[in-house]
Amino acid sequence: MLKNEETKREMKLFAELERILRRSKPFEYYTSPQLWNDQHISKGMLDAHLDPSHDAASFNTEFIDRSVDWISSRFIVPGKTRICDFGCGPGLWTTRFAERGAMVTGVDLSERSIHYARAMAKQKNLGIRYILGDYLQLSLDDQFDLITMIGGDFSVLSPDQRRTLLRVSRALLPEQGALLLDVASMAQWREAVERTQYEFSSAGGFWSSAPHHVFTSTYKYEQENLLCDKYTVIEEARVLEIYVWNQCYNTESLKELFEENSFEIREFLSDVAGTPLEDDTRWIAVVALEST
C-alpha cells in the first residue's frame, strides 16, 4: 500500500514538472499586468528601474541622458512639442522631456510606477499628466507631436497587440507626427540559449517575500524569431507563472509590419540615442510617420 502511494506521488510530481516545463504556444499567455502590479514583484521592478547603474529594467542614467539629448534636439520645441510616452514607468523619460519644455503625458499600467512618477512631477513642479492604464486601450481626444515607446515594450506584444498599438498611435498623431520606439534585434535572438534553471530562496527574494522555488526557462521559437522567458514561482500557498515574450526583428520585418499598418519608417537606428544603425546592434530603433 505504501509503495503504491509513493508511486502515485512520484507520478504526480513528474506530471507537475512536465507542466512547468511545457513549451507554450507563441503569445499563448499575456502576464504583463501580473508582473507590474503584483504587490511584491512590482516593488522590485520599481527598484530596478530606479537603479542608475545598470539596465536590468530600464536603461542606465548615462544612456537616458544621452537619449533625451538626442530626442530633444530632434523633436522637442520648448513650449510647443506634445509628447506621449507609452509604458512611461516611473517617469525617467517623461520627467526629462518636461524639463526640456515639452508638454508631456505618460501612460503605464503599473500603479506603483505611476504613483512614483506623479510624486516626482509634484516635487519638481512639472505639469506632467500621468494616466494609469493600458496604452492598448487608450482613447483620448488629444493629439501628440511625438509618441515614444522605449525599452523594448513593442517586442513583448503579440501580433494582434502590435496592430492595436499602431492603430492607437495613428489616432493620436497629427500629420507629420512621429512614433519613436525600439525593439529587440536578431542579435538578441542569436545570443539566446534554450535552458531551464532552478533556484530556491528560503528567506524571500525578488519574486516573493516568502520561501519559494523558481524555475526559469528560456524558449526559442524558430519560425517566429521569438524568445520567451517563463518564470514559475512556487510558494506554499500559490503558483505564479510569468511569461516575458521578446519578438526579435530585422529591418525588413519591421518595414513590412509598419507598412501593413499605414506607417512609413523614416529612419532605422541602433538605439533611441541616435546611434547610426550597425550590423551587430542588439536593438533597432525606429522613427516612423503615418503614411499618406
Protein backbone atom coordinates (compact mmCIF):
# COMPACT_ATOMS: atom_id res chain seq x y z
CA MET A 1 0.00 0.00 0.00
CA LEU A 2 2.77 2.43 0.98
CA LYS A 3 4.62 1.55 -2.22
CA ASN A 4 1.56 2.38 -4.31
CA GLU A 5 1.12 5.75 -2.57
CA GLU A 6 4.78 6.59 -3.10
CA THR A 7 4.50 5.68 -6.78
CA LYS A 8 1.43 7.92 -7.14
CA ARG A 9 3.28 10.84 -5.55
CA GLU A 10 6.23 10.34 -7.88
CA MET A 11 3.96 10.21 -10.91
CA LYS A 12 2.16 13.38 -9.76
CA LEU A 13 5.48 15.16 -9.27
CA PHE A 14 6.64 14.07 -12.72
CA ALA A 15 3.41 15.34 -14.30
CA GLU A 16 3.71 18.67 -12.48
CA LEU A 17 7.31 19.13 -13.65
CA GLU A 18 6.21 18.32 -17.19
CA ARG A 19 3.57 21.04 -16.90
CA ILE A 20 6.05 23.56 -15.51
CA LEU A 21 8.49 22.92 -18.35
CA ARG A 22 5.86 22.82 -21.12
CA ARG A 23 6.64 24.99 -24.13
CA SER A 24 3.65 27.29 -24.61
CA LYS A 25 2.35 28.38 -27.97
CA PRO A 26 3.66 31.78 -29.13
CA PHE A 27 1.97 34.51 -27.06
CA GLU A 28 -0.38 31.96 -25.52
CA TYR A 29 -0.32 33.84 -22.21
CA TYR A 30 -0.09 37.56 -21.50
CA THR A 31 1.03 38.25 -17.94
CA SER A 32 2.34 41.84 -18.02
CA PRO A 33 -0.43 43.10 -15.67
CA GLN A 34 0.52 40.50 -13.07
CA LEU A 35 4.22 41.29 -13.42
CA TRP A 36 3.77 45.03 -12.98
CA ASN A 37 1.03 45.04 -10.34
CA ASP A 38 1.84 42.13 -8.04
CA GLN A 39 2.21 43.73 -4.62
CA HIS A 40 5.68 42.29 -4.01
CA ILE A 41 7.14 41.96 -7.51
CA SER A 42 6.16 45.50 -8.54
CA LYS A 43 8.33 46.91 -5.75
CA GLY A 44 11.35 45.00 -7.06
CA MET A 45 10.56 46.14 -10.60
CA LEU A 46 10.40 49.78 -9.50
CA ASP A 47 13.67 49.46 -7.57
CA ALA A 48 15.32 48.00 -10.69
CA HIS A 49 14.00 50.87 -12.82
CA LEU A 50 15.39 53.43 -10.39
CA ASP A 51 18.84 51.84 -10.08
CA PRO A 52 21.01 54.26 -12.10
CA SER A 53 23.90 51.86 -12.57
CA HIS A 54 22.52 49.12 -14.81
CA ASP A 55 20.00 48.17 -17.49
CA ALA A 56 18.07 45.48 -15.61
CA ALA A 57 14.64 47.06 -16.09
CA SER A 58 15.36 50.38 -17.74
CA PHE A 59 18.47 51.89 -19.28
CA ASN A 60 21.23 53.34 -17.10
CA THR A 61 21.25 57.04 -16.30
CA GLU A 62 24.06 57.92 -18.70
CA PHE A 63 22.16 56.41 -21.62
CA ILE A 64 18.85 58.02 -20.63
CA ASP A 65 20.50 61.45 -20.50
CA ARG A 66 22.14 60.88 -23.87
CA SER A 67 18.86 59.65 -25.32
CA VAL A 68 16.93 62.69 -24.07
CA ASP A 69 19.63 64.97 -25.52
CA TRP A 70 19.16 63.39 -28.94
CA ILE A 71 15.35 63.28 -28.78
CA SER A 72 15.28 66.91 -27.66
CA SER A 73 17.49 68.05 -30.50
CA ARG A 74 15.46 66.04 -33.00
CA PHE A 75 11.87 66.56 -31.86
CA ILE A 76 11.34 68.96 -28.95
CA VAL A 77 10.42 72.60 -29.45
CA PRO A 78 10.19 74.11 -25.93
CA GLY A 79 6.65 75.07 -25.01
CA LYS A 80 5.14 73.50 -28.12
CA THR A 81 6.01 69.82 -28.51
CA ARG A 82 3.35 67.44 -27.19
CA ILE A 83 4.76 64.05 -26.19
CA CYS A 84 3.01 60.89 -25.05
CA ASP A 85 5.22 58.17 -23.56
CA PHE A 86 3.71 54.67 -23.73
CA GLY A 87 4.94 52.49 -20.86
CA CYS A 88 6.37 55.50 -19.04
CA GLY A 89 7.14 53.57 -15.85
CA PRO A 90 8.33 55.83 -13.01
CA GLY A 91 8.86 58.76 -15.37
CA LEU A 92 12.56 58.50 -16.22
CA TRP A 93 12.00 59.91 -19.72
CA THR A 94 8.83 61.94 -19.13
CA THR A 95 10.44 63.96 -16.33
CA ARG A 96 13.38 64.86 -18.54
CA PHE A 97 11.13 65.70 -21.51
CA ALA A 98 9.12 68.08 -19.32
CA GLU A 99 12.31 69.66 -18.01
CA ARG A 100 13.20 70.38 -21.65
CA GLY A 101 9.97 72.29 -22.10
CA ALA A 102 7.71 69.66 -23.69
CA MET A 103 4.05 69.16 -22.77
CA VAL A 104 4.09 65.55 -21.58
CA THR A 105 1.65 62.71 -20.98
CA GLY A 106 2.77 59.35 -19.59
CA VAL A 107 0.76 56.11 -19.71
CA ASP A 108 1.51 52.97 -17.73
CA LEU A 109 -0.43 50.06 -16.22
CA SER A 110 1.76 49.86 -13.11
CA GLU A 111 0.03 51.60 -10.21
CA ARG A 112 3.26 51.69 -8.19
CA SER A 113 5.23 53.27 -11.05
CA ILE A 114 2.58 55.89 -11.81
CA HIS A 115 2.36 56.79 -8.11
CA TYR A 116 6.12 57.36 -8.04
CA ALA A 117 6.08 59.35 -11.30
CA ARG A 118 3.31 61.64 -10.05
CA ALA A 119 5.19 62.25 -6.80
CA MET A 120 8.34 63.19 -8.70
CA ALA A 121 6.43 65.55 -11.01
CA LYS A 122 4.89 67.27 -7.99
CA GLN A 123 8.27 67.52 -6.28
CA LYS A 124 9.84 69.10 -9.37
CA ASN A 125 6.78 71.28 -10.07
CA LEU A 126 6.32 69.77 -13.53
CA GLY A 127 2.90 69.71 -15.15
CA ILE A 128 3.05 66.15 -16.43
CA ARG A 129 -0.20 64.26 -16.95
CA TYR A 130 0.03 60.61 -15.94
CA ILE A 131 -2.60 58.06 -16.91
CA LEU A 132 -2.85 54.75 -15.08
CA GLY A 133 -3.99 52.26 -17.69
CA ASP A 134 -3.21 50.09 -20.69
CA TYR A 135 -1.95 52.04 -23.70
CA LEU A 136 -3.51 49.39 -25.92
CA GLN A 137 -6.91 50.66 -24.74
CA LEU A 138 -6.03 54.35 -24.71
CA SER A 139 -8.68 56.68 -26.08
CA LEU A 140 -8.01 60.43 -25.94
CA ASP A 141 -9.21 63.43 -27.84
CA ASP A 142 -5.67 64.84 -27.71
CA GLN A 143 -3.05 64.62 -30.42
CA PHE A 144 0.69 64.45 -29.93
CA ASP A 145 3.67 65.52 -32.00
CA LEU A 146 5.67 62.56 -30.73
CA ILE A 147 4.77 59.18 -29.23
CA THR A 148 7.61 57.29 -27.56
CA MET A 149 7.75 53.64 -26.51
CA ILE A 150 11.20 52.99 -25.09
CA GLY A 151 12.73 49.90 -23.52
CA GLY A 152 11.64 47.19 -25.91
CA ASP A 153 7.96 47.20 -24.92
CA PHE A 154 6.90 46.73 -28.54
CA SER A 155 8.77 43.40 -28.63
CA VAL A 156 6.63 41.89 -25.87
CA LEU A 157 3.39 42.44 -27.81
CA SER A 158 1.58 39.72 -29.73
CA PRO A 159 0.79 40.26 -33.44
CA ASP A 160 -2.73 41.44 -32.59
CA GLN A 161 -1.43 43.75 -29.88
CA ARG A 162 1.12 45.27 -32.27
CA ARG A 163 -1.61 46.11 -34.73
CA THR A 164 -3.68 47.62 -31.93
CA LEU A 165 -0.72 49.68 -30.72
CA LEU A 166 -0.10 51.08 -34.18
CA ARG A 167 -3.81 51.82 -34.66
CA VAL A 168 -3.95 53.66 -31.32
CA SER A 169 -0.82 55.60 -32.28
CA ARG A 170 -2.25 56.64 -35.65
CA ALA A 171 -5.33 58.06 -33.94
CA LEU A 172 -3.17 60.19 -31.63
CA LEU A 173 -0.73 61.53 -34.23
CA PRO A 174 -1.41 64.52 -36.48
CA GLU A 175 0.11 64.84 -39.93
CA GLN A 176 3.91 64.69 -39.57
CA GLY A 177 3.59 63.41 -36.00
CA ALA A 178 6.27 60.81 -35.24
CA LEU A 179 6.40 57.46 -33.46
CA LEU A 180 9.73 56.54 -31.84
CA LEU A 181 10.27 53.07 -30.41
CA ASP A 182 12.92 50.39 -30.02
CA VAL A 183 12.75 46.62 -30.47
CA ALA A 184 14.95 43.58 -29.91
CA SER A 185 17.15 42.77 -32.90
CA MET A 186 18.16 39.42 -34.34
CA ALA A 187 21.41 39.73 -32.39
CA GLN A 188 19.42 39.06 -29.23
CA TRP A 189 17.86 36.05 -30.94
CA ARG A 190 21.27 34.63 -31.85
CA GLU A 191 22.64 35.20 -28.35
CA ALA A 192 19.79 33.39 -26.60
CA VAL A 193 20.24 29.79 -25.44
CA GLU A 194 17.39 27.45 -24.55
CA ARG A 195 17.76 26.26 -20.97
CA THR A 196 16.00 25.82 -17.64
CA GLN A 197 17.40 26.91 -14.30
CA TYR A 198 16.14 26.21 -10.79
CA GLU A 199 16.69 28.05 -7.54
CA PHE A 200 15.25 28.01 -4.04
CA SER A 201 15.03 31.03 -1.76
CA SER A 202 14.43 30.27 1.90
CA ALA A 203 14.18 33.91 3.00
CA GLY A 204 12.28 35.54 0.16
CA GLY A 205 13.67 37.47 -2.80
CA PHE A 206 12.69 39.30 -5.98
CA TRP A 207 9.73 37.05 -6.79
CA SER A 208 8.26 36.61 -3.33
CA SER A 209 8.67 37.70 0.27
CA ALA A 210 8.04 34.09 1.36
CA PRO A 211 10.20 31.00 0.85
CA HIS A 212 9.79 29.92 -2.76
CA HIS A 213 11.08 27.84 -5.64
CA VAL A 214 11.68 29.36 -9.09
CA PHE A 215 12.01 27.61 -12.44
CA THR A 216 13.31 29.92 -15.17
CA SER A 217 13.01 28.56 -18.72
CA THR A 218 14.16 30.23 -21.93
CA TYR A 219 12.49 29.08 -25.16
CA LYS A 220 13.29 29.93 -28.77
CA TYR A 221 10.62 29.80 -31.48
CA GLU A 222 12.50 29.34 -34.74
CA GLN A 223 9.74 30.15 -37.19
CA GLU A 224 8.68 33.36 -35.42
CA ASN A 225 12.14 34.64 -34.35
CA LEU A 226 10.58 34.79 -30.89
CA LEU A 227 12.04 34.34 -27.43
CA CYS A 228 10.23 33.63 -24.19
CA ASP A 229 11.44 33.65 -20.60
CA LYS A 230 8.98 31.75 -18.44
CA TYR A 231 9.19 32.15 -14.66
CA THR A 232 7.32 29.63 -12.50
CA VAL A 233 7.27 30.79 -8.88
CA ILE A 234 6.11 28.18 -6.37
CA GLU A 235 5.17 29.28 -2.87
CA GLU A 236 3.50 27.18 -0.20
CA ALA A 237 0.14 28.78 -0.95
CA ARG A 238 0.26 29.58 -4.67
CA VAL A 239 1.96 29.05 -8.03
CA LEU A 240 2.64 32.12 -10.19
CA GLU A 241 3.61 31.91 -13.87
CA ILE A 242 5.09 34.93 -15.64
CA TYR A 243 5.79 34.96 -19.40
CA VAL A 244 8.13 37.57 -20.86
CA TRP A 245 7.94 37.48 -24.65
CA ASN A 246 10.62 39.08 -26.81
CA GLN A 247 9.92 39.36 -30.53
CA CYS A 248 13.16 39.89 -32.47
CA TYR A 249 13.22 41.89 -35.69
CA ASN A 250 15.37 42.89 -38.62
CA THR A 251 14.82 46.00 -40.72
CA GLU A 252 12.92 44.05 -43.39
CA SER A 253 10.37 42.58 -40.97
CA LEU A 254 9.89 45.96 -39.30
CA LYS A 255 9.36 47.74 -42.62
CA GLU A 256 6.76 45.16 -43.67
CA LEU A 257 4.91 45.35 -40.34
CA PHE A 258 4.76 49.14 -40.30
CA GLU A 259 3.72 49.43 -43.94
CA GLU A 260 0.91 46.95 -43.35
CA ASN A 261 -0.34 49.24 -40.59
CA SER A 262 -0.14 52.53 -42.51
CA PHE A 263 3.19 53.77 -41.18
CA GLU A 264 6.30 54.73 -43.09
CA ILE A 265 9.64 54.18 -41.37
CA ARG A 266 11.78 57.23 -41.92
CA GLU A 267 14.87 56.07 -40.08
CA PHE A 268 16.47 52.99 -38.51
CA LEU A 269 18.95 53.47 -35.68
CA SER A 270 20.84 51.29 -33.22
CA ASP A 271 19.17 52.94 -30.23
CA VAL A 272 16.96 55.83 -29.15
CA ALA A 273 20.05 57.97 -28.56
CA GLY A 274 20.57 58.44 -32.30
CA THR A 275 23.39 55.95 -32.82
CA PRO A 276 23.60 55.02 -36.53
CA LEU A 277 22.39 51.51 -37.35
CA GLU A 278 25.10 48.85 -37.03
CA ASP A 279 25.07 45.25 -38.23
CA ASP A 280 25.56 43.70 -34.79
CA THR A 281 23.25 46.02 -32.84
CA ARG A 282 21.18 44.40 -30.06
CA TRP A 283 18.42 46.97 -30.51
CA ILE A 284 16.79 48.60 -33.51
CA ALA A 285 15.17 51.99 -33.03
CA VAL A 286 12.52 53.22 -35.44
CA VAL A 287 11.33 56.68 -36.35
CA ALA A 288 8.02 56.31 -38.18
CA LEU A 289 5.35 58.64 -39.57
CA GLU A 290 1.85 57.84 -40.68
CA SER A 291 1.95 57.06 -44.39
CA THR A 292 -0.10 59.25 -46.71
